[in-house]
């Protein structure tokens, strides 16, 4: 990858991360929890959403994959589930908001490539990494492992007994959850995450 491609890619990753975290904060606020707003996370300022190691992982996987995949995370948006009217449903909606907005943006941009509107134009080299970043960030965060959104969604819909057991498991993992996640992705990613990512991109980018 050229230096220009890397710079554009990093900017696209930052955008995908920004709208993802803002969507979490916005949805929580709309459902009655102002925690994220009070802590300064209901903002489009990218600086407050960045988590250094997670962002390094995003950039590193993007570069190492030749601009076809990203894996990493941002600073979690704080929420207080006690502020929700329907604790389980609203928690799941907040968790799903991030990946949802990424996929909406990716598929919206994908219309410009599927229809050939930007094919063979300079704009394609901005649209393409934007699609890759949003698809990659959405799919990675849907992995059902703490502290990702997929785990939060699963915990929310597991019922009272299931949720308690899952939260106990998450607490036992503690700081090791991210390390285990990296191992899981490294060994199992090629069977699940990579094929899913390629399948979506093949539709949106035409192969």
Protein backbone atom coordinates (compact mmCIF):
# COMPACT_ATOMS: atom_id res chain seq x y z
CA UNK A 1 0.00 0.00 0.00
CA UNK A 2 1.20 3.50 -0.81
CA UNK A 3 1.54 6.19 1.88
CA UNK A 4 -1.46 8.01 0.39
CA UNK A 5 -3.61 4.86 0.58
CA UNK A 6 -2.58 4.34 4.19
CA UNK A 7 -3.46 7.93 5.14
CA UNK A 8 -6.86 7.68 3.44
CA UNK A 9 -7.45 4.31 5.06
CA UNK A 10 -6.64 5.58 8.55
CA UNK A 11 -8.99 8.54 8.05
CA UNK A 12 -11.76 6.15 6.95
CA UNK A 13 -11.15 3.94 9.98
CA UNK A 14 -11.39 6.99 12.24
CA UNK A 15 -14.70 7.92 10.62
CA UNK A 16 -16.12 4.40 11.05
CA UNK A 17 -15.06 4.39 14.69
CA UNK A 18 -16.53 7.85 15.29
CA UNK A 19 -20.01 7.16 13.94
CA UNK A 20 -20.06 3.77 15.68
CA UNK A 21 -19.43 5.20 19.13
CA UNK A 22 -21.65 8.23 18.56
CA UNK A 23 -24.50 5.89 17.60
CA UNK A 24 -24.12 4.04 20.93
CA UNK A 25 -24.22 7.30 22.89
CA UNK A 26 -27.11 8.74 20.87
CA UNK A 27 -29.25 5.60 21.21
CA UNK A 28 -28.62 5.41 24.97
CA UNK A 29 -29.62 9.06 25.35
CA UNK A 30 -32.79 8.59 23.29
CA UNK A 31 -33.74 5.59 25.43
CA UNK A 32 -33.43 7.60 28.65
CA UNK A 33 -29.82 7.18 29.78
CA UNK A 34 -27.84 10.45 29.81
CA UNK A 35 -24.64 8.87 31.17
CA UNK A 36 -22.72 9.09 27.90
CA UNK A 37 -23.81 12.69 27.40
CA UNK A 38 -22.70 13.70 30.89
CA UNK A 39 -19.30 12.07 30.30
CA UNK A 40 -18.78 13.91 27.03
CA UNK A 41 -19.33 10.97 24.68
CA UNK A 42 -22.40 12.27 22.87
CA UNK A 43 -20.17 14.14 20.46
CA UNK A 44 -18.64 13.87 17.01
CA UNK A 45 -15.21 14.72 18.42
CA UNK A 46 -13.16 11.61 17.49
CA UNK A 47 -10.55 12.16 20.18
CA UNK A 48 -12.88 11.23 23.05
CA UNK A 49 -13.80 7.92 21.42
CA UNK A 50 -10.30 6.61 20.67
CA UNK A 51 -8.69 3.82 22.66
CA UNK A 52 -4.98 3.76 21.70
CA UNK A 53 -4.32 0.01 21.59
CA UNK A 54 -7.62 -0.74 19.87
CA UNK A 55 -6.95 1.90 17.24
CA UNK A 56 -3.44 0.56 16.65
CA UNK A 57 -4.98 -2.88 16.05
CA UNK A 58 -7.42 -1.35 13.56
CA UNK A 59 -4.68 0.36 11.59
CA UNK A 60 -2.27 -2.59 11.79
CA UNK A 61 -4.82 -5.10 10.50
CA UNK A 62 -5.85 -2.73 7.73
CA UNK A 63 -2.29 -2.30 6.51
CA UNK A 64 -1.29 -5.96 6.95
CA UNK A 65 -4.38 -7.15 5.05
CA UNK A 66 -3.67 -4.83 2.15
CA UNK A 67 -6.68 -2.67 2.89
CA UNK A 68 -9.28 -5.46 2.96
CA UNK A 69 -10.01 -5.97 6.68
CA UNK A 70 -9.93 -4.18 10.01
CA UNK A 71 -10.13 -5.60 13.53
CA UNK A 72 -9.97 -3.50 16.68
CA UNK A 73 -12.05 -1.45 19.05
CA UNK A 74 -12.73 1.99 20.48
CA UNK A 75 -13.25 3.35 23.98
CA UNK A 76 -16.49 1.81 25.31
CA UNK A 77 -19.41 4.20 25.71
CA UNK A 78 -20.56 4.24 29.36
CA UNK A 79 -24.22 3.42 29.99
CA UNK A 80 -26.38 2.91 33.08
CA UNK A 81 -28.92 0.21 32.30
CA UNK A 82 -31.02 1.21 35.31
CA UNK A 83 -32.11 4.29 33.36
CA UNK A 84 -33.79 2.21 30.66
CA UNK A 85 -37.51 1.45 30.72
CA UNK A 86 -36.95 -2.00 29.26
CA UNK A 87 -33.52 -2.97 30.55
CA UNK A 88 -32.87 -6.00 28.32
CA UNK A 89 -34.32 -4.65 25.07
CA UNK A 90 -32.88 -1.15 25.42
CA UNK A 91 -29.42 -2.46 26.32
CA UNK A 92 -29.49 -4.65 23.23
CA UNK A 93 -30.60 -1.71 21.07
CA UNK A 94 -27.77 0.46 22.36
CA UNK A 95 -25.23 -2.30 21.68
CA UNK A 96 -26.62 -2.91 18.19
CA UNK A 97 -26.69 0.79 17.25
CA UNK A 98 -22.94 0.95 16.54
CA UNK A 99 -22.67 -1.99 14.10
CA UNK A 100 -26.01 -0.99 12.57
CA UNK A 101 -24.88 2.52 11.60
CA UNK A 102 -21.63 1.12 10.18
CA UNK A 103 -23.53 -1.34 7.99
CA UNK A 104 -26.02 1.32 6.89
CA UNK A 105 -23.17 3.59 5.79
CA UNK A 106 -21.36 0.69 4.08
CA UNK A 107 -24.42 -0.43 2.14
CA UNK A 108 -25.32 3.15 1.27
CA UNK A 109 -21.86 3.73 -0.15
CA UNK A 110 -22.00 0.32 -1.77
CA UNK A 111 -24.83 1.50 -3.99
CA UNK A 112 -22.38 3.87 -5.67
CA UNK A 113 -20.03 1.01 -6.51
CA UNK A 114 -22.69 -1.57 -7.41
CA UNK A 115 -24.29 0.85 -9.86
CA UNK A 116 -20.92 1.90 -11.24
CA UNK A 117 -21.38 5.54 -10.27
CA UNK A 118 -17.85 5.89 -8.88
CA UNK A 119 -16.10 3.05 -10.66
CA UNK A 120 -12.98 4.22 -12.50
CA UNK A 121 -13.15 7.62 -10.82
CA UNK A 122 -10.83 9.09 -8.14
CA UNK A 123 -13.75 9.04 -5.70
CA UNK A 124 -13.66 5.23 -5.72
CA UNK A 125 -10.37 5.27 -3.81
CA UNK A 126 -12.13 7.03 -0.94
CA UNK A 127 -15.41 5.12 -1.13
CA UNK A 128 -13.67 1.74 -1.13
CA UNK A 129 -11.74 2.14 2.16
CA UNK A 130 -14.83 3.70 3.74
CA UNK A 131 -16.79 0.57 2.89
CA UNK A 132 -14.00 -1.72 4.09
CA UNK A 133 -13.66 0.18 7.38
CA UNK A 134 -17.38 0.21 8.15
CA UNK A 135 -17.95 -3.43 7.23
CA UNK A 136 -14.89 -4.60 9.13
CA UNK A 137 -15.68 -2.59 12.25
CA UNK A 138 -19.30 -3.76 12.27
CA UNK A 139 -18.54 -7.46 11.81
CA UNK A 140 -15.69 -7.49 14.30
CA UNK A 141 -17.82 -5.83 16.97
CA UNK A 142 -20.60 -8.37 16.44
CA UNK A 143 -18.36 -11.17 17.72
CA UNK A 144 -20.06 -12.50 20.89
CA UNK A 145 -17.12 -12.03 23.22
CA UNK A 146 -16.59 -9.40 25.94
CA UNK A 147 -16.40 -6.46 25.70
CA UNK A 148 -17.69 -6.31 22.12
CA UNK A 149 -21.21 -5.38 21.05
CA UNK A 150 -22.07 -8.93 20.07
CA UNK A 151 -21.47 -10.04 23.66
CA UNK A 152 -23.60 -7.21 25.03
CA UNK A 153 -26.44 -8.10 22.69
CA UNK A 154 -26.20 -11.79 23.63
CA UNK A 155 -26.10 -10.94 27.34
CA UNK A 156 -29.17 -8.73 27.02
CA UNK A 157 -31.31 -11.41 25.37
CA UNK A 158 -30.09 -14.37 27.44
CA UNK A 159 -32.69 -13.96 30.16
CA UNK A 160 -32.06 -13.19 33.82
CA UNK A 161 -30.26 -16.44 34.68
CA UNK A 162 -28.26 -16.47 31.47
CA UNK A 163 -27.29 -12.82 31.82
CA UNK A 164 -26.04 -13.35 35.37
CA UNK A 165 -23.87 -16.28 34.30
CA UNK A 166 -22.47 -14.36 31.35
CA UNK A 167 -21.69 -11.31 33.48
CA UNK A 168 -19.97 -13.53 36.06
CA UNK A 169 -17.90 -15.05 33.27
CA UNK A 170 -17.02 -11.58 31.95
CA UNK A 171 -15.96 -10.41 35.41
CA UNK A 172 -13.74 -13.44 35.86
CA UNK A 173 -12.01 -12.73 32.55
CA UNK A 174 -11.37 -9.11 33.51
CA UNK A 175 -8.50 -7.54 31.61
CA UNK A 176 -7.71 -10.84 29.91
CA UNK A 177 -10.86 -10.73 27.77
CA UNK A 178 -9.16 -8.69 25.04
CA UNK A 179 -6.11 -10.96 25.01
CA UNK A 180 -8.34 -14.01 24.63
CA UNK A 181 -10.29 -12.21 21.92
CA UNK A 182 -7.12 -11.63 19.90
CA UNK A 183 -6.25 -15.31 20.21
CA UNK A 184 -9.77 -16.31 19.13
CA UNK A 185 -9.65 -14.03 16.10
CA UNK A 186 -6.16 -15.21 15.17
CA UNK A 187 -7.03 -18.91 15.21
CA UNK A 188 -10.71 -18.89 14.24
CA UNK A 189 -11.02 -15.69 12.23
CA UNK A 190 -10.22 -17.40 8.94
CA UNK A 191 -13.20 -19.73 9.39
CA UNK A 192 -15.78 -17.12 10.40
CA UNK A 193 -14.76 -13.45 10.35
CA UNK A 194 -12.68 -13.42 7.17
CA UNK A 195 -15.25 -15.31 5.03
CA UNK A 196 -18.08 -13.08 6.30
CA UNK A 197 -16.04 -9.98 5.58
CA UNK A 198 -15.14 -11.18 2.08
CA UNK A 199 -18.75 -12.12 1.33
CA UNK A 200 -20.09 -8.68 2.22
CA UNK A 201 -17.30 -6.84 0.41
CA UNK A 202 -17.72 -8.98 -2.69
CA UNK A 203 -21.30 -7.72 -2.92
CA UNK A 204 -20.52 -4.09 -2.18
CA UNK A 205 -17.31 -3.87 -4.22
CA UNK A 206 -18.13 -6.31 -6.95
CA UNK A 207 -15.61 -8.99 -6.04
